[in-house]
N, C-alpha and C. Protein backbone atom coordinates (compact mmCIF):
# COMPACT_ATOMS: atom_id res chain seq x y z
N UNK A 1 -0.73 11.46 -37.79
CA UNK A 1 -1.47 12.70 -37.84
C UNK A 1 -2.88 12.46 -38.39
N UNK A 2 -3.02 11.56 -39.33
CA UNK A 2 -4.34 11.27 -39.89
C UNK A 2 -5.27 10.74 -38.81
N UNK A 3 -4.73 9.91 -37.91
CA UNK A 3 -5.54 9.37 -36.81
C UNK A 3 -6.08 10.50 -35.94
N UNK A 4 -5.23 11.49 -35.63
CA UNK A 4 -5.66 12.61 -34.80
C UNK A 4 -6.76 13.39 -35.51
N UNK A 5 -6.59 13.64 -36.78
CA UNK A 5 -7.61 14.41 -37.52
C UNK A 5 -8.95 13.68 -37.54
N UNK A 6 -8.90 12.37 -37.68
CA UNK A 6 -10.15 11.61 -37.71
C UNK A 6 -10.89 11.75 -36.39
N UNK A 7 -10.17 11.62 -35.26
CA UNK A 7 -10.83 11.75 -33.96
C UNK A 7 -11.21 13.18 -33.66
N UNK A 8 -10.41 14.13 -34.12
CA UNK A 8 -10.70 15.54 -33.87
C UNK A 8 -12.00 15.95 -34.57
N UNK A 9 -12.28 15.37 -35.72
CA UNK A 9 -13.47 15.73 -36.49
C UNK A 9 -14.74 15.08 -35.96
N UNK A 10 -14.62 14.12 -35.07
CA UNK A 10 -15.80 13.42 -34.55
C UNK A 10 -16.61 14.32 -33.63
N UNK A 11 -17.89 14.19 -33.69
CA UNK A 11 -18.77 14.90 -32.77
C UNK A 11 -19.04 14.02 -31.57
N UNK A 12 -18.85 14.54 -30.35
CA UNK A 12 -19.10 13.73 -29.16
C UNK A 12 -20.59 13.49 -28.97
N UNK A 13 -20.98 12.35 -28.41
CA UNK A 13 -22.38 12.12 -28.10
C UNK A 13 -22.79 13.03 -26.95
N UNK A 14 -23.72 13.90 -27.17
CA UNK A 14 -24.06 14.92 -26.18
C UNK A 14 -25.32 14.61 -25.38
N UNK A 15 -25.71 13.35 -25.30
CA UNK A 15 -26.95 13.03 -24.62
C UNK A 15 -26.80 12.96 -23.11
N UNK A 16 -25.58 12.97 -22.59
CA UNK A 16 -25.42 12.97 -21.14
C UNK A 16 -24.04 13.46 -20.77
N UNK A 17 -23.91 13.93 -19.54
CA UNK A 17 -22.60 14.38 -19.06
C UNK A 17 -21.60 13.23 -19.02
N UNK A 18 -22.07 12.05 -18.62
CA UNK A 18 -21.19 10.88 -18.55
C UNK A 18 -20.64 10.54 -19.93
N UNK A 19 -21.50 10.52 -20.93
CA UNK A 19 -21.06 10.21 -22.29
C UNK A 19 -20.06 11.26 -22.77
N UNK A 20 -20.30 12.51 -22.45
CA UNK A 20 -19.40 13.59 -22.85
C UNK A 20 -18.02 13.41 -22.21
N UNK A 21 -18.01 13.08 -20.90
CA UNK A 21 -16.74 12.89 -20.20
C UNK A 21 -16.00 11.67 -20.75
N UNK A 22 -16.73 10.60 -21.01
CA UNK A 22 -16.10 9.40 -21.55
C UNK A 22 -15.50 9.67 -22.93
N UNK A 23 -16.25 10.37 -23.76
CA UNK A 23 -15.75 10.70 -25.09
C UNK A 23 -14.47 11.53 -25.00
N UNK A 24 -14.49 12.57 -24.15
CA UNK A 24 -13.32 13.44 -24.03
C UNK A 24 -12.11 12.69 -23.48
N UNK A 25 -12.34 11.80 -22.51
CA UNK A 25 -11.23 11.02 -21.94
C UNK A 25 -10.61 10.12 -23.00
N UNK A 26 -11.45 9.42 -23.74
CA UNK A 26 -10.94 8.51 -24.77
C UNK A 26 -10.28 9.30 -25.90
N UNK A 27 -10.90 10.39 -26.33
CA UNK A 27 -10.32 11.20 -27.41
C UNK A 27 -8.96 11.75 -27.00
N UNK A 28 -8.85 12.26 -25.77
CA UNK A 28 -7.57 12.78 -25.30
C UNK A 28 -6.54 11.67 -25.21
N UNK A 29 -6.95 10.52 -24.73
CA UNK A 29 -6.03 9.38 -24.67
C UNK A 29 -5.53 8.99 -26.04
N UNK A 30 -6.41 8.99 -27.02
CA UNK A 30 -6.01 8.63 -28.38
C UNK A 30 -5.07 9.67 -28.98
N UNK A 31 -5.34 10.93 -28.70
CA UNK A 31 -4.45 11.97 -29.20
C UNK A 31 -3.06 11.81 -28.60
N UNK A 32 -3.02 11.57 -27.30
CA UNK A 32 -1.72 11.41 -26.64
C UNK A 32 -1.01 10.13 -27.05
N UNK A 33 -1.76 9.15 -27.49
CA UNK A 33 -1.17 7.85 -27.78
C UNK A 33 -0.65 7.71 -29.20
N UNK A 34 -0.48 8.80 -29.90
CA UNK A 34 0.04 8.69 -31.26
C UNK A 34 1.50 8.26 -31.22
N UNK A 35 1.90 7.39 -32.11
CA UNK A 35 3.28 6.89 -32.12
C UNK A 35 4.33 7.99 -32.28
N UNK A 36 3.99 9.10 -32.92
CA UNK A 36 4.95 10.18 -33.11
C UNK A 36 5.45 10.69 -31.77
N UNK A 37 4.56 10.95 -30.84
CA UNK A 37 4.96 11.45 -29.53
C UNK A 37 5.64 10.37 -28.70
N UNK A 38 5.23 9.14 -28.86
CA UNK A 38 5.77 8.06 -28.04
C UNK A 38 7.24 7.79 -28.33
N UNK A 39 7.73 8.21 -29.47
CA UNK A 39 9.13 7.98 -29.81
C UNK A 39 10.07 8.65 -28.82
N UNK A 40 9.63 9.70 -28.14
CA UNK A 40 10.48 10.41 -27.19
C UNK A 40 10.32 9.86 -25.78
N UNK A 41 9.53 8.83 -25.58
CA UNK A 41 9.33 8.19 -24.29
C UNK A 41 8.88 9.17 -23.21
N UNK A 42 7.74 9.77 -23.43
CA UNK A 42 7.17 10.70 -22.46
C UNK A 42 6.54 9.96 -21.29
N UNK A 43 6.51 10.64 -20.16
CA UNK A 43 5.89 10.10 -18.95
C UNK A 43 4.49 10.70 -18.83
N UNK A 44 3.47 9.83 -18.73
CA UNK A 44 2.08 10.28 -18.69
C UNK A 44 1.44 9.85 -17.38
N UNK A 45 0.94 10.81 -16.63
CA UNK A 45 0.21 10.55 -15.39
C UNK A 45 -1.26 10.35 -15.74
N UNK A 46 -1.85 9.27 -15.27
CA UNK A 46 -3.27 9.01 -15.53
C UNK A 46 -4.00 9.04 -14.20
N UNK A 47 -4.83 10.06 -14.02
CA UNK A 47 -5.62 10.22 -12.80
C UNK A 47 -6.87 9.36 -12.93
N UNK A 48 -7.14 8.54 -11.93
CA UNK A 48 -8.29 7.65 -11.99
C UNK A 48 -8.04 6.44 -12.86
N UNK A 49 -6.81 5.96 -12.87
CA UNK A 49 -6.42 4.87 -13.76
C UNK A 49 -7.05 3.54 -13.41
N UNK A 50 -7.59 3.39 -12.21
CA UNK A 50 -8.17 2.11 -11.82
C UNK A 50 -9.62 1.95 -12.27
N UNK A 51 -10.23 3.01 -12.78
CA UNK A 51 -11.60 2.93 -13.28
C UNK A 51 -11.65 2.34 -14.68
N UNK A 52 -12.85 2.16 -15.19
CA UNK A 52 -13.02 1.54 -16.51
C UNK A 52 -12.35 2.32 -17.62
N UNK A 53 -12.57 3.62 -17.69
CA UNK A 53 -11.94 4.44 -18.73
C UNK A 53 -10.44 4.53 -18.50
N UNK A 54 -10.04 4.69 -17.24
CA UNK A 54 -8.62 4.78 -16.91
C UNK A 54 -7.85 3.54 -17.31
N UNK A 55 -8.44 2.37 -17.09
CA UNK A 55 -7.78 1.11 -17.47
C UNK A 55 -7.55 1.05 -18.98
N UNK A 56 -8.55 1.49 -19.72
CA UNK A 56 -8.44 1.52 -21.18
C UNK A 56 -7.30 2.46 -21.60
N UNK A 57 -7.23 3.62 -20.97
CA UNK A 57 -6.22 4.62 -21.33
C UNK A 57 -4.82 4.13 -21.00
N UNK A 58 -4.62 3.54 -19.79
CA UNK A 58 -3.26 3.10 -19.45
C UNK A 58 -2.80 1.95 -20.35
N UNK A 59 -3.71 1.08 -20.73
CA UNK A 59 -3.34 -0.01 -21.64
C UNK A 59 -2.93 0.54 -23.00
N UNK A 60 -3.68 1.51 -23.49
CA UNK A 60 -3.40 2.11 -24.78
C UNK A 60 -2.07 2.87 -24.76
N UNK A 61 -1.84 3.63 -23.70
CA UNK A 61 -0.60 4.39 -23.60
C UNK A 61 0.61 3.46 -23.49
N UNK A 62 0.47 2.42 -22.70
CA UNK A 62 1.57 1.46 -22.54
C UNK A 62 1.89 0.78 -23.87
N UNK A 63 0.84 0.43 -24.61
CA UNK A 63 1.02 -0.21 -25.92
C UNK A 63 1.78 0.70 -26.88
N UNK A 64 1.59 2.00 -26.75
CA UNK A 64 2.25 2.96 -27.63
C UNK A 64 3.66 3.34 -27.16
N UNK A 65 4.09 2.80 -26.03
CA UNK A 65 5.46 3.04 -25.58
C UNK A 65 5.65 4.15 -24.57
N UNK A 66 4.56 4.69 -24.05
CA UNK A 66 4.68 5.73 -23.03
C UNK A 66 5.04 5.12 -21.68
N UNK A 67 5.71 5.91 -20.85
CA UNK A 67 5.92 5.52 -19.46
C UNK A 67 4.68 5.98 -18.70
N UNK A 68 3.90 5.04 -18.20
CA UNK A 68 2.62 5.34 -17.57
C UNK A 68 2.78 5.41 -16.05
N UNK A 69 2.26 6.50 -15.46
CA UNK A 69 2.23 6.66 -14.01
C UNK A 69 0.77 6.72 -13.60
N UNK A 70 0.19 5.59 -13.22
CA UNK A 70 -1.23 5.58 -12.84
C UNK A 70 -1.42 6.03 -11.40
N UNK A 71 -2.54 6.70 -11.13
CA UNK A 71 -2.85 7.13 -9.77
C UNK A 71 -4.19 6.55 -9.34
N UNK A 72 -4.33 6.45 -8.03
CA UNK A 72 -5.56 5.96 -7.43
C UNK A 72 -5.60 6.43 -5.98
N UNK A 73 -6.81 6.48 -5.43
CA UNK A 73 -6.92 6.77 -3.99
C UNK A 73 -6.32 5.64 -3.19
N UNK A 74 -6.40 4.43 -3.72
CA UNK A 74 -5.88 3.25 -3.04
C UNK A 74 -4.97 2.48 -4.00
N UNK A 75 -3.68 2.86 -4.07
CA UNK A 75 -2.79 2.23 -5.04
C UNK A 75 -2.59 0.73 -4.83
N UNK A 76 -2.61 0.27 -3.59
CA UNK A 76 -2.43 -1.17 -3.35
C UNK A 76 -3.59 -1.96 -3.94
N UNK A 77 -4.81 -1.49 -3.69
CA UNK A 77 -5.99 -2.17 -4.23
C UNK A 77 -6.01 -2.08 -5.76
N UNK A 78 -5.64 -0.92 -6.29
CA UNK A 78 -5.62 -0.75 -7.74
C UNK A 78 -4.62 -1.70 -8.39
N UNK A 79 -3.44 -1.85 -7.78
CA UNK A 79 -2.43 -2.75 -8.33
C UNK A 79 -2.93 -4.19 -8.37
N UNK A 80 -3.66 -4.60 -7.34
CA UNK A 80 -4.22 -5.95 -7.31
C UNK A 80 -5.32 -6.12 -8.34
N UNK A 81 -6.17 -5.12 -8.46
CA UNK A 81 -7.34 -5.19 -9.34
C UNK A 81 -6.96 -5.06 -10.81
N UNK A 82 -6.14 -4.08 -11.13
CA UNK A 82 -5.81 -3.78 -12.53
C UNK A 82 -4.68 -4.66 -13.05
N UNK A 83 -3.70 -4.92 -12.20
CA UNK A 83 -2.55 -5.71 -12.63
C UNK A 83 -1.57 -4.87 -13.43
N UNK A 84 -0.70 -5.53 -14.14
CA UNK A 84 0.31 -4.82 -14.92
C UNK A 84 1.51 -4.45 -14.07
N UNK A 85 2.55 -4.01 -14.73
CA UNK A 85 3.79 -3.66 -14.05
C UNK A 85 3.89 -2.14 -13.94
N UNK A 86 3.04 -1.55 -13.11
CA UNK A 86 3.00 -0.11 -12.94
C UNK A 86 3.44 0.29 -11.54
N UNK A 87 4.00 1.48 -11.43
CA UNK A 87 4.34 2.05 -10.12
C UNK A 87 3.18 2.98 -9.73
N UNK A 88 2.16 2.41 -9.11
CA UNK A 88 0.96 3.17 -8.74
C UNK A 88 1.31 4.26 -7.73
N UNK A 89 0.70 5.43 -7.92
CA UNK A 89 0.89 6.56 -7.01
C UNK A 89 -0.43 6.88 -6.34
N UNK A 90 -0.36 7.22 -5.07
CA UNK A 90 -1.57 7.65 -4.37
C UNK A 90 -1.70 9.16 -4.56
N UNK A 91 -2.92 9.60 -4.89
CA UNK A 91 -3.15 11.02 -5.07
C UNK A 91 -4.53 11.38 -4.57
N UNK A 92 -4.58 12.42 -3.76
CA UNK A 92 -5.83 12.95 -3.24
C UNK A 92 -6.11 14.25 -3.99
N UNK A 93 -7.12 14.23 -4.86
CA UNK A 93 -7.41 15.41 -5.68
C UNK A 93 -7.87 16.62 -4.88
N UNK A 94 -8.23 16.42 -3.62
CA UNK A 94 -8.65 17.55 -2.79
C UNK A 94 -7.47 18.19 -2.07
N UNK A 95 -6.28 17.65 -2.25
CA UNK A 95 -5.08 18.17 -1.59
C UNK A 95 -4.09 18.70 -2.63
N UNK A 96 -3.87 19.99 -2.61
CA UNK A 96 -2.92 20.60 -3.56
C UNK A 96 -1.52 20.00 -3.41
N UNK A 97 -1.11 19.77 -2.17
CA UNK A 97 0.22 19.20 -1.93
C UNK A 97 0.35 17.81 -2.55
N UNK A 98 -0.71 17.01 -2.40
CA UNK A 98 -0.71 15.66 -2.96
C UNK A 98 -0.61 15.71 -4.48
N UNK A 99 -1.37 16.58 -5.10
CA UNK A 99 -1.36 16.70 -6.56
C UNK A 99 0.00 17.22 -7.03
N UNK A 100 0.51 18.27 -6.38
CA UNK A 100 1.81 18.83 -6.77
C UNK A 100 2.92 17.80 -6.70
N UNK A 101 2.91 16.97 -5.67
CA UNK A 101 3.96 15.96 -5.50
C UNK A 101 3.95 14.93 -6.62
N UNK A 102 2.77 14.58 -7.11
CA UNK A 102 2.67 13.53 -8.13
C UNK A 102 2.90 14.07 -9.54
N UNK A 103 2.44 15.28 -9.84
CA UNK A 103 2.56 15.80 -11.21
C UNK A 103 3.91 16.45 -11.49
N UNK A 104 4.72 16.58 -10.52
CA UNK A 104 6.00 17.28 -10.66
C UNK A 104 6.87 16.75 -11.81
N UNK A 105 6.98 15.46 -11.96
CA UNK A 105 7.94 14.88 -12.90
C UNK A 105 7.31 14.20 -14.11
N UNK A 106 6.15 14.67 -14.56
CA UNK A 106 5.50 14.05 -15.71
C UNK A 106 5.41 15.04 -16.86
N UNK A 107 5.24 14.50 -18.07
CA UNK A 107 5.13 15.34 -19.26
C UNK A 107 3.68 15.65 -19.61
N UNK A 108 2.78 14.69 -19.35
CA UNK A 108 1.36 14.86 -19.67
C UNK A 108 0.52 14.35 -18.51
N UNK A 109 -0.68 14.91 -18.38
CA UNK A 109 -1.65 14.43 -17.40
C UNK A 109 -2.96 14.14 -18.12
N UNK A 110 -3.48 12.94 -17.92
CA UNK A 110 -4.79 12.56 -18.46
C UNK A 110 -5.69 12.30 -17.26
N UNK A 111 -6.84 12.96 -17.22
CA UNK A 111 -7.76 12.74 -16.10
C UNK A 111 -8.92 11.88 -16.55
N UNK A 112 -9.12 10.80 -15.82
CA UNK A 112 -10.23 9.88 -16.08
C UNK A 112 -10.91 9.55 -14.76
N UNK A 113 -10.83 10.48 -13.83
CA UNK A 113 -11.39 10.22 -12.50
C UNK A 113 -12.89 10.43 -12.50
N UNK A 114 -13.54 9.83 -11.54
CA UNK A 114 -14.97 9.98 -11.38
C UNK A 114 -15.29 10.24 -9.92
N UNK A 115 -16.54 10.40 -9.64
CA UNK A 115 -16.98 10.61 -8.27
C UNK A 115 -17.86 9.44 -7.87
N UNK A 116 -17.82 9.12 -6.60
CA UNK A 116 -18.69 8.06 -6.10
C UNK A 116 -19.77 8.67 -5.23
N UNK A 117 -20.88 8.00 -5.13
CA UNK A 117 -21.98 8.49 -4.30
C UNK A 117 -21.58 8.58 -2.84
N UNK A 118 -20.67 7.71 -2.42
CA UNK A 118 -20.25 7.71 -1.02
C UNK A 118 -19.54 9.00 -0.65
N UNK A 119 -19.05 9.71 -1.64
CA UNK A 119 -18.31 10.94 -1.38
C UNK A 119 -19.16 12.19 -1.57
N UNK A 120 -20.42 12.04 -1.80
CA UNK A 120 -21.28 13.20 -1.96
C UNK A 120 -21.55 13.51 -3.42
N UNK A 121 -22.18 14.65 -3.67
CA UNK A 121 -22.55 14.99 -5.05
C UNK A 121 -21.32 15.26 -5.91
N UNK A 122 -21.48 15.03 -7.19
CA UNK A 122 -20.41 15.24 -8.15
C UNK A 122 -20.22 16.73 -8.38
């Protein structure tokens, strides 16, 4: 609990939207990764797990004993790039059916997804 309070009291760096999103992703990951919750072996879906922040979050959650369900637009490529013993799920955030199918059986969802220039404006 002390760990949560320490992170909760921190002020996020507000100099850019990217810094704000990174801070929130890491802070949420740290809150979820407390050993108290991990004792019940919760299943955590990580959206955008193949990105830099997502990789950090899945490693931290796995270390704390959570069952991690990472998602990516390209699960085969993500499995090769990121490694680890994960059951990667494909998820299209623009499809309600795709999202519903993946989040159905999880306890928590952490979003660490980003946008690419190839897909248009953020």
